[in-house]
C-alpha atoms as a PDB file:
ATOM      1  CA  MET A   1    -213.483 -87.042-197.240  1.00  0.00           C
ATOM      2  CA  SER A   2    -210.555 -89.153-198.375  1.00  0.00           C
ATOM      3  CA  GLU A   3    -210.661 -92.293-200.480  1.00  0.00           C
ATOM      4  CA  LEU A   4    -209.295 -94.137-197.429  1.00  0.00           C
ATOM      5  CA  THR A   5    -211.851 -95.602-195.064  1.00  0.00           C
ATOM      6  CA  CYS A   6    -212.296 -98.467-192.625  1.00  0.00           C
ATOM      7  CA  ALA A   7    -215.927 -99.031-193.697  1.00  0.00           C
ATOM      8  CA  GLY A   8    -216.382-102.443-195.293  1.00  0.00           C
ATOM      9  CA  LYS A   9    -212.876-103.566-194.369  1.00  0.00           C
ATOM     10  CA  VAL A  10    -211.252-106.033-191.980  1.00  0.00           C
ATOM     11  CA  PHE A  11    -208.118-105.143-190.013  1.00  0.00           C
ATOM     12  CA  VAL A  12    -205.930-106.899-187.476  1.00  0.00           C
ATOM     13  CA  PHE A  13    -204.974-104.492-184.695  1.00  0.00           C
ATOM     14  CA  ARG A  14    -201.797-105.359-182.756  1.00  0.00           C
ATOM     15  CA  VAL A  15    -201.709-103.455-179.469  1.00  0.00           C
ATOM     16  CA  ASP A  16    -198.545-102.531-177.557  1.00  0.00           C
ATOM     17  CA  ASP A  17    -199.677-104.668-174.573  1.00  0.00           C
ATOM     18  CA  GLY A  18    -199.643-107.883-176.664  1.00  0.00           C
ATOM     19  CA  VAL A  19    -203.388-108.073-177.318  1.00  0.00           C
ATOM     20  CA  VAL A  20    -204.415-108.696-180.936  1.00  0.00           C
ATOM     21  CA  PHE A  21    -207.897-108.002-182.312  1.00  0.00           C
ATOM     22  CA  ARG A  22    -209.574-108.610-185.663  1.00  0.00           C
ATOM     23  CA  GLY A  23    -212.072-105.877-186.491  1.00  0.00           C
ATOM     24  CA  THR A  24    -214.676-106.229-189.231  1.00  0.00           C
ATOM     25  CA  TYR A  25    -216.218-102.859-190.090  1.00  0.00           C
ATOM     26  CA  ALA A  26    -219.704-102.796-191.623  1.00  0.00           C
ATOM     27  CA  ALA A  27    -219.921-101.408-195.160  1.00  0.00           C
ATOM     28  CA  ASP A  28    -222.019 -98.490-193.890  1.00  0.00           C
ATOM     29  CA  GLY A  29    -219.528 -97.766-191.075  1.00  0.00           C
ATOM     30  CA  THR A  30    -222.112 -98.024-188.273  1.00  0.00           C
ATOM     31  CA  THR A  31    -221.013-101.267-186.591  1.00  0.00           C
ATOM     32  CA  LEU A  32    -217.832-103.128-185.744  1.00  0.00           C
ATOM     33  CA  HIS A  33    -217.498-106.827-185.035  1.00  0.00           C
ATOM     34  CA  HIS A  34    -214.312-107.405-183.048  1.00  0.00           C
ATOM     35  CA  GLU A  35    -212.712-110.640-181.923  1.00  0.00           C
ATOM     36  CA  THR A  36    -209.752-111.096-179.575  1.00  0.00           C
ATOM     37  CA  LEU A  37    -207.125-113.260-181.294  1.00  0.00           C
ATOM     38  CA  GLU A  38    -204.377-113.009-178.637  1.00  0.00           C
ATOM     39  CA  GLY A  39    -204.365-111.869-175.018  1.00  0.00           C
ATOM     40  CA  PRO A  40    -206.243-112.577-171.776  1.00  0.00           C
ATOM     41  CA  ALA A  41    -209.704-112.481-173.393  1.00  0.00           C
ATOM     42  CA  ILE A  42    -208.783-114.671-176.400  1.00  0.00           C
ATOM     43  CA  GLY A  43    -211.900-115.817-178.249  1.00  0.00           C
ATOM     44  CA  ALA A  44    -214.091-112.999-176.917  1.00  0.00           C
ATOM     45  CA  GLU A  45    -216.113-111.280-179.624  1.00  0.00           C
ATOM     46  CA  GLU A  46    -218.844-108.697-179.879  1.00  0.00           C
ATOM     47  CA  THR A  47    -220.629-106.505-182.408  1.00  0.00           C
ATOM     48  CA  VAL A  48    -220.957-102.884-181.285  1.00  0.00           C
ATOM     49  CA  THR A  49    -222.413 -99.639-182.577  1.00  0.00           C
ATOM     50  CA  LEU A  50    -219.646 -97.464-183.923  1.00  0.00           C
ATOM     51  CA  HIS A  51    -219.444 -93.669-183.940  1.00  0.00           C
ATOM     52  CA  THR A  52    -216.951 -92.406-186.516  1.00  0.00           C
ATOM     53  CA  GLY A  53    -215.633 -89.235-188.022  1.00  0.00           C
ATOM     54  CA  GLU A  54    -212.824 -88.382-190.403  1.00  0.00           C
ATOM     55  CA  VAL A  55    -210.693 -85.740-188.698  1.00  0.00           C
ATOM     56  CA  GLY A  56    -208.003 -85.509-191.407  1.00  0.00           C
ATOM     57  CA  HIS A  57    -207.024 -87.198-194.663  1.00  0.00           C
ATOM     58  CA  GLY A  58    -207.032 -90.908-193.765  1.00  0.00           C
ATOM     59  CA  LEU A  59    -207.322 -90.088-190.036  1.00  0.00           C
ATOM     60  CA  PHE A  60    -210.442 -91.413-188.314  1.00  0.00           C
ATOM     61  CA  MET A  61    -211.772 -91.139-184.766  1.00  0.00           C
ATOM     62  CA  LEU A  62    -213.928 -94.105-183.744  1.00  0.00           C
ATOM     63  CA  GLY A  63    -215.774 -94.590-180.452  1.00  0.00           C
ATOM     64  CA  ARG A  64    -217.786 -97.413-178.956  1.00  0.00           C
ATOM     65  CA  ALA A  65    -219.213 -98.771-175.707  1.00  0.00           C
ATOM     66  CA  GLU A  66    -218.856-102.507-175.083  1.00  0.00           C
ATOM     67  CA  LYS A  67    -221.108-104.788-173.017  1.00  0.00           C
ATOM     68  CA  PRO A  68    -218.701-105.457-170.136  1.00  0.00           C
ATOM     69  CA  GLY A  69    -218.630-101.706-169.439  1.00  0.00           C
ATOM     70  CA  MET A  70    -215.539-100.828-171.436  1.00  0.00           C
ATOM     71  CA  THR A  71    -215.458 -97.594-173.414  1.00  0.00           C
ATOM     72  CA  VAL A  72    -213.005 -97.430-176.322  1.00  0.00           C
ATOM     73  CA  THR A  73    -211.905 -94.577-178.565  1.00  0.00           C
ATOM     74  CA  HIS A  74    -209.491 -95.178-181.450  1.00  0.00           C
ATOM     75  CA  LEU A  75    -207.641 -92.702-183.563  1.00  0.00           C
ATOM     76  CA  MET A  76    -206.807 -94.671-186.718  1.00  0.00           C
ATOM     77  CA  TYR A  77    -204.293 -93.271-189.192  1.00  0.00           C
ATOM     78  CA  LEU A  78    -204.918 -95.419-192.246  1.00  0.00           C
ATOM     79  CA  ASN A  79    -202.104 -93.830-194.276  1.00  0.00           C
ATOM     80  CA  ALA A  80    -199.522 -95.080-191.752  1.00  0.00           C
ATOM     81  CA  ARG A  81    -201.602 -98.055-190.493  1.00  0.00           C
ATOM     82  CA  THR A  82    -201.204 -96.946-186.878  1.00  0.00           C
ATOM     83  CA  VAL A  83    -203.685 -96.581-184.017  1.00  0.00           C
ATOM     84  CA  HIS A  84    -203.840 -94.726-180.726  1.00  0.00           C
ATOM     85  CA  ALA A  85    -206.475 -96.231-178.452  1.00  0.00           C
ATOM     86  CA  PHE A  86    -208.008 -95.031-175.188  1.00  0.00           C
ATOM     87  CA  ARG A  87    -209.787 -97.675-173.088  1.00  0.00           C
ATOM     88  CA  ALA A  88    -211.656 -97.131-169.828  1.00  0.00           C
ATOM     89  CA  HIS A  89    -213.214 -99.905-167.710  1.00  0.00           C
ATOM     90  CA  GLU A  90    -214.205-100.867-164.166  1.00  0.00           C
ATOM     91  CA  THR A  91    -211.998-102.968-161.905  1.00  0.00           C
ATOM     92  CA  GLY A  92    -212.377-104.050-158.285  1.00  0.00           C
ATOM     93  CA  ASP A  93    -210.392-100.945-157.350  1.00  0.00           C
ATOM     94  CA  GLY A  94    -212.429 -98.486-159.439  1.00  0.00           C
ATOM     95  CA  ARG A  95    -212.398 -97.187-162.979  1.00  0.00           C
ATOM     96  CA  VAL A  96    -209.151 -97.548-164.932  1.00  0.00           C
ATOM     97  CA  ALA A  97    -208.115 -95.644-168.052  1.00  0.00           C
ATOM     98  CA  GLU A  98    -205.391 -96.840-170.427  1.00  0.00           C
ATOM     99  CA  LEU A  99    -203.725 -95.311-173.491  1.00  0.00           C
ATOM    100  CA  HIS A 100    -202.223 -97.700-176.040  1.00  0.00           C
ATOM    101  CA  THR A 101    -200.654 -97.624-179.467  1.00  0.00           C
ATOM    102  CA  GLY A 102    -200.596-100.270-182.144  1.00  0.00           C
ATOM    103  CA  THR A 103    -200.497-101.192-185.782  1.00  0.00           C
ATOM    104  CA  LEU A 104    -203.116-102.190-188.347  1.00  0.00           C
ATOM    105  CA  GLU A 105    -202.838-104.826-191.054  1.00  0.00           C
ATOM    106  CA  PRO A 106    -205.491-105.599-193.644  1.00  0.00           C
ATOM    107  CA  ALA A 107    -206.883-109.067-192.920  1.00  0.00           C
END
């Protein structure tokens, strides 16, 4: 395991669709508290159980299920401070899946 980790840290995640989140990762790496800072759901926040694994030096896969039925998987490359995110959620027309990219900044 690398010396890089998201556990115990706070990051701002800027997504390519204009949404901005602040994520506070528990010191033990088992939960994430995220808050929407910019975008349609501004002010929304939630604490979720986090499933994580280091898949390369400074490269982490993180997955979670949120209350409104959204499933999110992030691939965080802490060395480059970049993220690839997969989100899936229900809409009135059925389930929608989205792939996004973004950047991380320590908060």
